[in-house]
Amino acid sequence: MILRWLKGISGAVLIGLGLLFALAFEARYWRWRDCFNELGRCFDPVTQDVYLEQAGMVWGGLAAISLLAGFWLVVGLRRKQS
């Protein structure tokens, strides 16, 4: 009983983290995907920020892993109840 409760909470936390990582992916990479030069950098003159192309792989990977693990835990709980 408690183990299922912990799996449910862990799944919800992982899904929430995955959504936060997806937001970071969108803000740090996806908006700037057409701006990167041959060195994988993009300079935003308005905010004086430099965006790195590698950030897309890091934030996207973290988002994918967290969302998949969270959904796997939640779906596993639903299958055992039926």
PDB file of N, CA and C in Angstrom:
ATOM      1  N   MET A   1       0.827  -1.191   0.000  1.00  0.00           N
ATOM      2  CA  MET A   1       0.000   0.000   0.000  1.00  0.00           C
ATOM      3  C   MET A   1       0.872   1.256   0.000  1.00  0.00           C
ATOM      4  N   ILE A   2       1.813   1.299   0.932  1.00  0.00           N
ATOM      5  CA  ILE A   2       2.681   2.479   1.024  1.00  0.00           C
ATOM      6  C   ILE A   2       3.609   2.546  -0.179  1.00  0.00           C
ATOM      7  N   LEU A   3       4.043   1.394  -0.677  1.00  0.00           N
ATOM      8  CA  LEU A   3       4.931   1.378  -1.840  1.00  0.00           C
ATOM      9  C   LEU A   3       4.219   1.954  -3.064  1.00  0.00           C
ATOM     10  N   ARG A   4       2.951   1.615  -3.241  1.00  0.00           N
ATOM     11  CA  ARG A   4       2.188   2.183  -4.371  1.00  0.00           C
ATOM     12  C   ARG A   4       2.022   3.681  -4.204  1.00  0.00           C
ATOM     13  N   TRP A   5       1.808   4.139  -2.990  1.00  0.00           N
ATOM     14  CA  TRP A   5       1.674   5.565  -2.716  1.00  0.00           C
ATOM     15  C   TRP A   5       2.972   6.291  -3.054  1.00  0.00           C
ATOM     16  N   LEU A   6       4.115   5.708  -2.650  1.00  0.00           N
ATOM     17  CA  LEU A   6       5.414   6.304  -2.951  1.00  0.00           C
ATOM     18  C   LEU A   6       5.695   6.308  -4.451  1.00  0.00           C
ATOM     19  N   LYS A   7       5.292   5.251  -5.147  1.00  0.00           N
ATOM     20  CA  LYS A   7       5.469   5.221  -6.601  1.00  0.00           C
ATOM     21  C   LYS A   7       4.627   6.301  -7.270  1.00  0.00           C
ATOM     22  N   GLY A   8       3.431   6.508  -6.788  1.00  0.00           N
ATOM     23  CA  GLY A   8       2.565   7.545  -7.345  1.00  0.00           C
ATOM     24  C   GLY A   8       3.134   8.940  -7.129  1.00  0.00           C
ATOM     25  N   ILE A   9       3.615   9.192  -5.920  1.00  0.00           N
ATOM     26  CA  ILE A   9       4.228  10.496  -5.618  1.00  0.00           C
ATOM     27  C   ILE A   9       5.489  10.677  -6.443  1.00  0.00           C
ATOM     28  N   SER A  10       6.319   9.647  -6.533  1.00  0.00           N
ATOM     29  CA  SER A  10       7.547   9.732  -7.325  1.00  0.00           C
ATOM     30  C   SER A  10       7.236   9.974  -8.801  1.00  0.00           C
ATOM     31  N   GLY A  11       6.223   9.301  -9.319  1.00  0.00           N
ATOM     32  CA  GLY A  11       5.824   9.509 -10.709  1.00  0.00           C
ATOM     33  C   GLY A  11       5.364  10.934 -10.955  1.00  0.00           C
ATOM     34  N   ALA A  12       4.572  11.473 -10.026  1.00  0.00           N
ATOM     35  CA  ALA A  12       4.091  12.842 -10.175  1.00  0.00           C
ATOM     36  C   ALA A  12       5.237  13.847 -10.100  1.00  0.00           C
ATOM     37  N   VAL A  13       6.183  13.607  -9.201  1.00  0.00           N
ATOM     38  CA  VAL A  13       7.345  14.505  -9.084  1.00  0.00           C
ATOM     39  C   VAL A  13       8.190  14.448 -10.348  1.00  0.00           C
ATOM     40  N   LEU A  14       8.412  13.252 -10.879  1.00  0.00           N
ATOM     41  CA  LEU A  14       9.201  13.125 -12.105  1.00  0.00           C
ATOM     42  C   LEU A  14       8.517  13.785 -13.293  1.00  0.00           C
ATOM     43  N   ILE A  15       7.214  13.665 -13.383  1.00  0.00           N
ATOM     44  CA  ILE A  15       6.481  14.324 -14.468  1.00  0.00           C
ATOM     45  C   ILE A  15       6.589  15.841 -14.316  1.00  0.00           C
ATOM     46  N   GLY A  16       6.472  16.343 -13.095  1.00  0.00           N
ATOM     47  CA  GLY A  16       6.623  17.776 -12.856  1.00  0.00           C
ATOM     48  C   GLY A  16       8.018  18.267 -13.213  1.00  0.00           C
ATOM     49  N   LEU A  17       9.036  17.507 -12.822  1.00  0.00           N
ATOM     50  CA  LEU A  17      10.409  17.871 -13.187  1.00  0.00           C
ATOM     51  C   LEU A  17      10.600  17.828 -14.702  1.00  0.00           C
ATOM     52  N   GLY A  18      10.001  16.826 -15.344  1.00  0.00           N
ATOM     53  CA  GLY A  18      10.098  16.737 -16.796  1.00  0.00           C
ATOM     54  C   GLY A  18       9.498  17.945 -17.478  1.00  0.00           C
ATOM     55  N   LEU A  19       8.390  18.436 -16.946  1.00  0.00           N
ATOM     56  CA  LEU A  19       7.776  19.630 -17.517  1.00  0.00           C
ATOM     57  C   LEU A  19       8.651  20.865 -17.303  1.00  0.00           C
ATOM     58  N   LEU A  20       9.266  20.970 -16.139  1.00  0.00           N
ATOM     59  CA  LEU A  20      10.192  22.085 -15.895  1.00  0.00           C
ATOM     60  C   LEU A  20      11.404  22.008 -16.817  1.00  0.00           C
ATOM     61  N   PHE A  21      11.942  20.806 -17.013  1.00  0.00           N
ATOM     62  CA  PHE A  21      13.069  20.642 -17.932  1.00  0.00           C
ATOM     63  C   PHE A  21      12.655  20.956 -19.365  1.00  0.00           C
ATOM     64  N   ALA A  22      11.415  20.615 -19.729  1.00  0.00           N
ATOM     65  CA  ALA A  22      10.932  20.932 -21.073  1.00  0.00           C
ATOM     66  C   ALA A  22      10.812  22.446 -21.260  1.00  0.00           C
ATOM     67  N   LEU A  23      10.396  23.145 -20.217  1.00  0.00           N
ATOM     68  CA  LEU A  23      10.361  24.607 -20.288  1.00  0.00           C
ATOM     69  C   LEU A  23      11.763  25.185 -20.442  1.00  0.00           C
ATOM     70  N   ALA A  24      12.723  24.630 -19.728  1.00  0.00           N
ATOM     71  CA  ALA A  24      14.111  25.083 -19.860  1.00  0.00           C
ATOM     72  C   ALA A  24      14.634  24.789 -21.261  1.00  0.00           C
ATOM     73  N   PHE A  25      14.271  23.634 -21.829  1.00  0.00           N
ATOM     74  CA  PHE A  25      14.659  23.291 -23.191  1.00  0.00           C
ATOM     75  C   PHE A  25      14.110  24.317 -24.183  1.00  0.00           C
ATOM     76  N   GLU A  26      12.855  24.674 -23.990  1.00  0.00           N
ATOM     77  CA  GLU A  26      12.236  25.641 -24.895  1.00  0.00           C
ATOM     78  C   GLU A  26      12.889  27.012 -24.758  1.00  0.00           C
ATOM     79  N   ALA A  27      13.189  27.442 -23.550  1.00  0.00           N
ATOM     80  CA  ALA A  27      13.748  28.776 -23.333  1.00  0.00           C
ATOM     81  C   ALA A  27      15.225  28.873 -23.704  1.00  0.00           C
ATOM     82  N   ARG A  28      15.991  27.807 -23.483  1.00  0.00           N
ATOM     83  CA  ARG A  28      17.436  27.880 -23.698  1.00  0.00           C
ATOM     84  C   ARG A  28      17.886  27.360 -25.057  1.00  0.00           C
ATOM     85  N   TYR A  29      17.019  26.615 -25.761  1.00  0.00           N
ATOM     86  CA  TYR A  29      17.432  26.076 -27.057  1.00  0.00           C
ATOM     87  C   TYR A  29      16.412  26.319 -28.168  1.00  0.00           C
ATOM     88  N   TRP A  30      15.177  25.884 -27.978  1.00  0.00           N
ATOM     89  CA  TRP A  30      14.208  25.836 -29.072  1.00  0.00           C
ATOM     90  C   TRP A  30      13.950  27.213 -29.686  1.00  0.00           C
ATOM     91  N   ARG A  31      13.855  28.259 -28.873  1.00  0.00           N
ATOM     92  CA  ARG A  31      13.621  29.607 -29.399  1.00  0.00           C
ATOM     93  C   ARG A  31      14.774  30.082 -30.283  1.00  0.00           C
ATOM     94  N   TRP A  32      15.967  29.601 -30.015  1.00  0.00           N
ATOM     95  CA  TRP A  32      17.175  30.098 -30.661  1.00  0.00           C
ATOM     96  C   TRP A  32      17.749  29.119 -31.670  1.00  0.00           C
ATOM     97  N   ARG A  33      17.046  28.074 -32.040  1.00  0.00           N
ATOM     98  CA  ARG A  33      17.594  27.009 -32.873  1.00  0.00           C
ATOM     99  C   ARG A  33      18.060  27.475 -34.246  1.00  0.00           C
ATOM    100  N   ASP A  34      17.514  28.589 -34.768  1.00  0.00           N
ATOM    101  CA  ASP A  34      17.924  29.099 -36.076  1.00  0.00           C
ATOM    102  C   ASP A  34      19.063  30.119 -35.989  1.00  0.00           C
ATOM    103  N   CYS A  35      19.471  30.461 -34.787  1.00  0.00           N
ATOM    104  CA  CYS A  35      20.462  31.523 -34.576  1.00  0.00           C
ATOM    105  C   CYS A  35      21.883  30.994 -34.374  1.00  0.00           C
ATOM    106  N   PHE A  36      22.057  29.719 -34.080  1.00  0.00           N
ATOM    107  CA  PHE A  36      23.378  29.190 -33.718  1.00  0.00           C
ATOM    108  C   PHE A  36      24.352  29.271 -34.886  1.00  0.00           C
ATOM    109  N   ASN A  37      25.587  29.672 -34.573  1.00  0.00           N
ATOM    110  CA  ASN A  37      26.629  29.743 -35.601  1.00  0.00           C
ATOM    111  C   ASN A  37      27.376  28.421 -35.676  1.00  0.00           C
ATOM    112  N   GLU A  38      28.475  28.380 -36.426  1.00  0.00           N
ATOM    113  CA  GLU A  38      29.234  27.140 -36.611  1.00  0.00           C
ATOM    114  C   GLU A  38      29.900  26.652 -35.327  1.00  0.00           C
ATOM    115  N   LEU A  39      30.042  27.541 -34.335  1.00  0.00           N
ATOM    116  CA  LEU A  39      30.597  27.135 -33.040  1.00  0.00           C
ATOM    117  C   LEU A  39      29.521  26.683 -32.052  1.00  0.00           C
ATOM    118  N   GLY A  40      28.260  26.750 -32.470  1.00  0.00           N
ATOM    119  CA  GLY A  40      27.174  26.309 -31.602  1.00  0.00           C
ATOM    120  C   GLY A  40      26.775  27.352 -30.578  1.00  0.00           C
ATOM    121  N   ARG A  41      26.967  28.631 -30.914  1.00  0.00           N
ATOM    122  CA  ARG A  41      26.623  29.711 -29.983  1.00  0.00           C
ATOM    123  C   ARG A  41      25.681  30.691 -30.650  1.00  0.00           C
ATOM    124  N   CYS A  42      24.863  31.325 -29.832  1.00  0.00           N
ATOM    125  CA  CYS A  42      23.949  32.353 -30.319  1.00  0.00           C
ATOM    126  C   CYS A  42      23.983  33.498 -29.316  1.00  0.00           C
ATOM    127  N   PHE A  43      24.262  34.703 -29.785  1.00  0.00           N
ATOM    128  CA  PHE A  43      24.323  35.880 -28.922  1.00  0.00           C
ATOM    129  C   PHE A  43      23.036  36.676 -29.078  1.00  0.00           C
ATOM    130  N   ASP A  44      22.389  36.958 -27.952  1.00  0.00           N
ATOM    131  CA  ASP A  44      21.190  37.788 -27.955  1.00  0.00           C
ATOM    132  C   ASP A  44      21.601  39.196 -27.532  1.00  0.00           C
ATOM    133  N   PRO A  45      21.577  40.160 -28.456  1.00  0.00           N
ATOM    134  CA  PRO A  45      22.042  41.510 -28.116  1.00  0.00           C
ATOM    135  C   PRO A  45      21.133  42.248 -27.134  1.00  0.00           C
ATOM    136  N   VAL A  46      19.875  41.847 -27.040  1.00  0.00           N
ATOM    137  CA  VAL A  46      18.951  42.536 -26.142  1.00  0.00           C
ATOM    138  C   VAL A  46      19.272  42.195 -24.684  1.00  0.00           C
ATOM    139  N   THR A  47      19.399  40.904 -24.383  1.00  0.00           N
ATOM    140  CA  THR A  47      19.643  40.481 -22.999  1.00  0.00           C
ATOM    141  C   THR A  47      21.113  40.249 -22.701  1.00  0.00           C
ATOM    142  N   GLN A  48      21.969  40.335 -23.727  1.00  0.00           N
ATOM    143  CA  GLN A  48      23.407  40.095 -23.585  1.00  0.00           C
ATOM    144  C   GLN A  48      23.712  38.667 -23.125  1.00  0.00           C
ATOM    145  N   ASP A  49      22.850  37.716 -23.515  1.00  0.00           N
ATOM    146  CA  ASP A  49      23.051  36.311 -23.171  1.00  0.00           C
ATOM    147  C   ASP A  49      23.651  35.564 -24.355  1.00  0.00           C
ATOM    148  N   VAL A  50      24.447  34.553 -24.037  1.00  0.00           N
ATOM    149  CA  VAL A  50      24.975  33.645 -25.049  1.00  0.00           C
ATOM    150  C   VAL A  50      24.326  32.286 -24.819  1.00  0.00           C
ATOM    151  N   TYR A  51      23.641  31.777 -25.830  1.00  0.00           N
ATOM    152  CA  TYR A  51      22.968  30.490 -25.749  1.00  0.00           C
ATOM    153  C   TYR A  51      23.834  29.444 -26.447  1.00  0.00           C
ATOM    154  N   LEU A  52      23.927  28.274 -25.852  1.00  0.00           N
ATOM    155  CA  LEU A  52      24.750  27.200 -26.396  1.00  0.00           C
ATOM    156  C   LEU A  52      23.869  26.108 -26.989  1.00  0.00           C
ATOM    157  N   GLU A  53      24.309  25.596 -28.124  1.00  0.00           N
ATOM    158  CA  GLU A  53      23.555  24.540 -28.803  1.00  0.00           C
ATOM    159  C   GLU A  53      23.525  23.253 -27.976  1.00  0.00           C
ATOM    160  N   GLN A  54      24.538  23.013 -27.176  1.00  0.00           N
ATOM    161  CA  GLN A  54      24.594  21.804 -26.347  1.00  0.00           C
ATOM    162  C   GLN A  54      23.508  21.802 -25.280  1.00  0.00           C
ATOM    163  N   ALA A  55      22.991  22.974 -24.939  1.00  0.00           N
ATOM    164  CA  ALA A  55      21.934  23.052 -23.932  1.00  0.00           C
ATOM    165  C   ALA A  55      20.698  22.293 -24.390  1.00  0.00           C
ATOM    166  N   GLY A  56      20.473  22.245 -25.693  1.00  0.00           N
ATOM    167  CA  GLY A  56      19.315  21.517 -26.207  1.00  0.00           C
ATOM    168  C   GLY A  56      19.381  20.046 -25.887  1.00  0.00           C
ATOM    169  N   MET A  57      20.570  19.468 -26.038  1.00  0.00           N
ATOM    170  CA  MET A  57      20.719  18.051 -25.753  1.00  0.00           C
ATOM    171  C   MET A  57      20.581  17.776 -24.253  1.00  0.00           C
ATOM    172  N   VAL A  58      21.135  18.648 -23.442  1.00  0.00           N
ATOM    173  CA  VAL A  58      21.085  18.433 -21.990  1.00  0.00           C
ATOM    174  C   VAL A  58      19.653  18.582 -21.465  1.00  0.00           C
ATOM    175  N   TRP A  59      19.029  19.736 -21.731  1.00  0.00           N
ATOM    176  CA  TRP A  59      17.673  19.961 -21.215  1.00  0.00           C
ATOM    177  C   TRP A  59      16.661  19.025 -21.851  1.00  0.00           C
ATOM    178  N   GLY A  60      16.802  18.772 -23.152  1.00  0.00           N
ATOM    179  CA  GLY A  60      15.894  17.843 -23.819  1.00  0.00           C
ATOM    180  C   GLY A  60      16.035  16.425 -23.295  1.00  0.00           C
ATOM    181  N   GLY A  61      17.265  16.001 -23.046  1.00  0.00           N
ATOM    182  CA  GLY A  61      17.496  14.667 -22.501  1.00  0.00           C
ATOM    183  C   GLY A  61      16.937  14.512 -21.094  1.00  0.00           C
ATOM    184  N   LEU A  62      17.166  15.528 -20.258  1.00  0.00           N
ATOM    185  CA  LEU A  62      16.615  15.480 -18.902  1.00  0.00           C
ATOM    186  C   LEU A  62      15.086  15.451 -18.924  1.00  0.00           C
ATOM    187  N   ALA A  63      14.502  16.244 -19.821  1.00  0.00           N
ATOM    188  CA  ALA A  63      13.032  16.263 -19.923  1.00  0.00           C
ATOM    189  C   ALA A  63      12.510  14.903 -20.363  1.00  0.00           C
ATOM    190  N   ALA A  64      13.132  14.322 -21.389  1.00  0.00           N
ATOM    191  CA  ALA A  64      12.665  13.033 -21.902  1.00  0.00           C
ATOM    192  C   ALA A  64      12.800  11.928 -20.855  1.00  0.00           C
ATOM    193  N   ILE A  65      13.933  11.871 -20.186  1.00  0.00           N
ATOM    194  CA  ILE A  65      14.158  10.826 -19.177  1.00  0.00           C
ATOM    195  C   ILE A  65      13.176  10.975 -18.019  1.00  0.00           C
ATOM    196  N   SER A  66      12.992  12.194 -17.532  1.00  0.00           N
ATOM    197  CA  SER A  66      12.081  12.416 -16.405  1.00  0.00           C
ATOM    198  C   SER A  66      10.636  12.092 -16.774  1.00  0.00           C
ATOM    199  N   LEU A  67      10.204  12.548 -17.953  1.00  0.00           N
ATOM    200  CA  LEU A  67       8.827  12.274 -18.360  1.00  0.00           C
ATOM    201  C   LEU A  67       8.592  10.790 -18.588  1.00  0.00           C
ATOM    202  N   LEU A  68       9.525  10.116 -19.245  1.00  0.00           N
ATOM    203  CA  LEU A  68       9.355   8.678 -19.480  1.00  0.00           C
ATOM    204  C   LEU A  68       9.323   7.894 -18.168  1.00  0.00           C
ATOM    205  N   ALA A  69      10.231   8.224 -17.254  1.00  0.00           N
ATOM    206  CA  ALA A  69      10.256   7.517 -15.964  1.00  0.00           C
ATOM    207  C   ALA A  69       8.978   7.798 -15.171  1.00  0.00           C
ATOM    208  N   GLY A  70       8.527   9.045 -15.168  1.00  0.00           N
ATOM    209  CA  GLY A  70       7.303   9.388 -14.443  1.00  0.00           C
ATOM    210  C   GLY A  70       6.081   8.696 -15.010  1.00  0.00           C
ATOM    211  N   PHE A  71       5.942   8.712 -16.334  1.00  0.00           N
ATOM    212  CA  PHE A  71       4.798   8.034 -16.952  1.00  0.00           C
ATOM    213  C   PHE A  71       4.883   6.528 -16.753  1.00  0.00           C
ATOM    214  N   TRP A  72       6.098   5.973 -16.767  1.00  0.00           N
ATOM    215  CA  TRP A  72       6.259   4.542 -16.545  1.00  0.00           C
ATOM    216  C   TRP A  72       5.776   4.167 -15.139  1.00  0.00           C
ATOM    217  N   LEU A  73       6.120   4.988 -14.135  1.00  0.00           N
ATOM    218  CA  LEU A  73       5.663   4.704 -12.770  1.00  0.00           C
ATOM    219  C   LEU A  73       4.144   4.825 -12.658  1.00  0.00           C
ATOM    220  N   VAL A  74       3.569   5.852 -13.258  1.00  0.00           N
ATOM    221  CA  VAL A  74       2.126   6.068 -13.145  1.00  0.00           C
ATOM    222  C   VAL A  74       1.360   4.983 -13.899  1.00  0.00           C
ATOM    223  N   VAL A  75       1.809   4.629 -15.098  1.00  0.00           N
ATOM    224  CA  VAL A  75       1.133   3.575 -15.865  1.00  0.00           C
ATOM    225  C   VAL A  75       1.275   2.234 -15.166  1.00  0.00           C
ATOM    226  N   GLY A  76       2.412   1.989 -14.544  1.00  0.00           N
ATOM    227  CA  GLY A  76       2.606   0.754 -13.789  1.00  0.00           C
ATOM    228  C   GLY A  76       1.629   0.641 -12.634  1.00  0.00           C
ATOM    229  N   LEU A  77       1.299   1.754 -12.000  1.00  0.00           N
ATOM    230  CA  LEU A  77       0.319   1.735 -10.917  1.00  0.00           C
ATOM    231  C   LEU A  77      -1.078   1.426 -11.443  1.00  0.00           C
ATOM    232  N   ARG A  78      -1.419   1.983 -12.581  1.00  0.00           N
ATOM    233  CA  ARG A  78      -2.760   1.781 -13.137  1.00  0.00           C
ATOM    234  C   ARG A  78      -2.947   0.351 -13.599  1.00  0.00           C
ATOM    235  N   ARG A  79      -1.902  -0.270 -14.130  1.00  0.00           N
ATOM    236  CA  ARG A  79      -2.015  -1.656 -14.612  1.00  0.00           C
ATOM    237  C   ARG A  79      -2.209  -2.627 -13.463  1.00  0.00           C
ATOM    238  N   LYS A  80      -1.567  -2.373 -12.328  1.00  0.00           N
ATOM    239  CA  LYS A  80      -1.686  -3.282 -11.197  1.00  0.00           C
ATOM    240  C   LYS A  80      -3.043  -3.171 -10.524  1.00  0.00           C
ATOM    241  N   GLN A  81      -3.715  -2.040 -10.636  1.00  0.00           N
ATOM    242  CA  GLN A  81      -5.040  -1.878 -10.032  1.00  0.00           C
ATOM    243  C   GLN A  81      -6.103  -2.655 -10.787  1.00  0.00           C
ATOM    244  N   SER A  82      -5.966  -2.763 -12.112  1.00  0.00           N
ATOM    245  CA  SER A  82      -6.991  -3.431 -12.918  1.00  0.00           C
ATOM    246  C   SER A  82      -7.018  -4.923 -12.716  1.00  0.00           C
TER     247      SER A  82
END
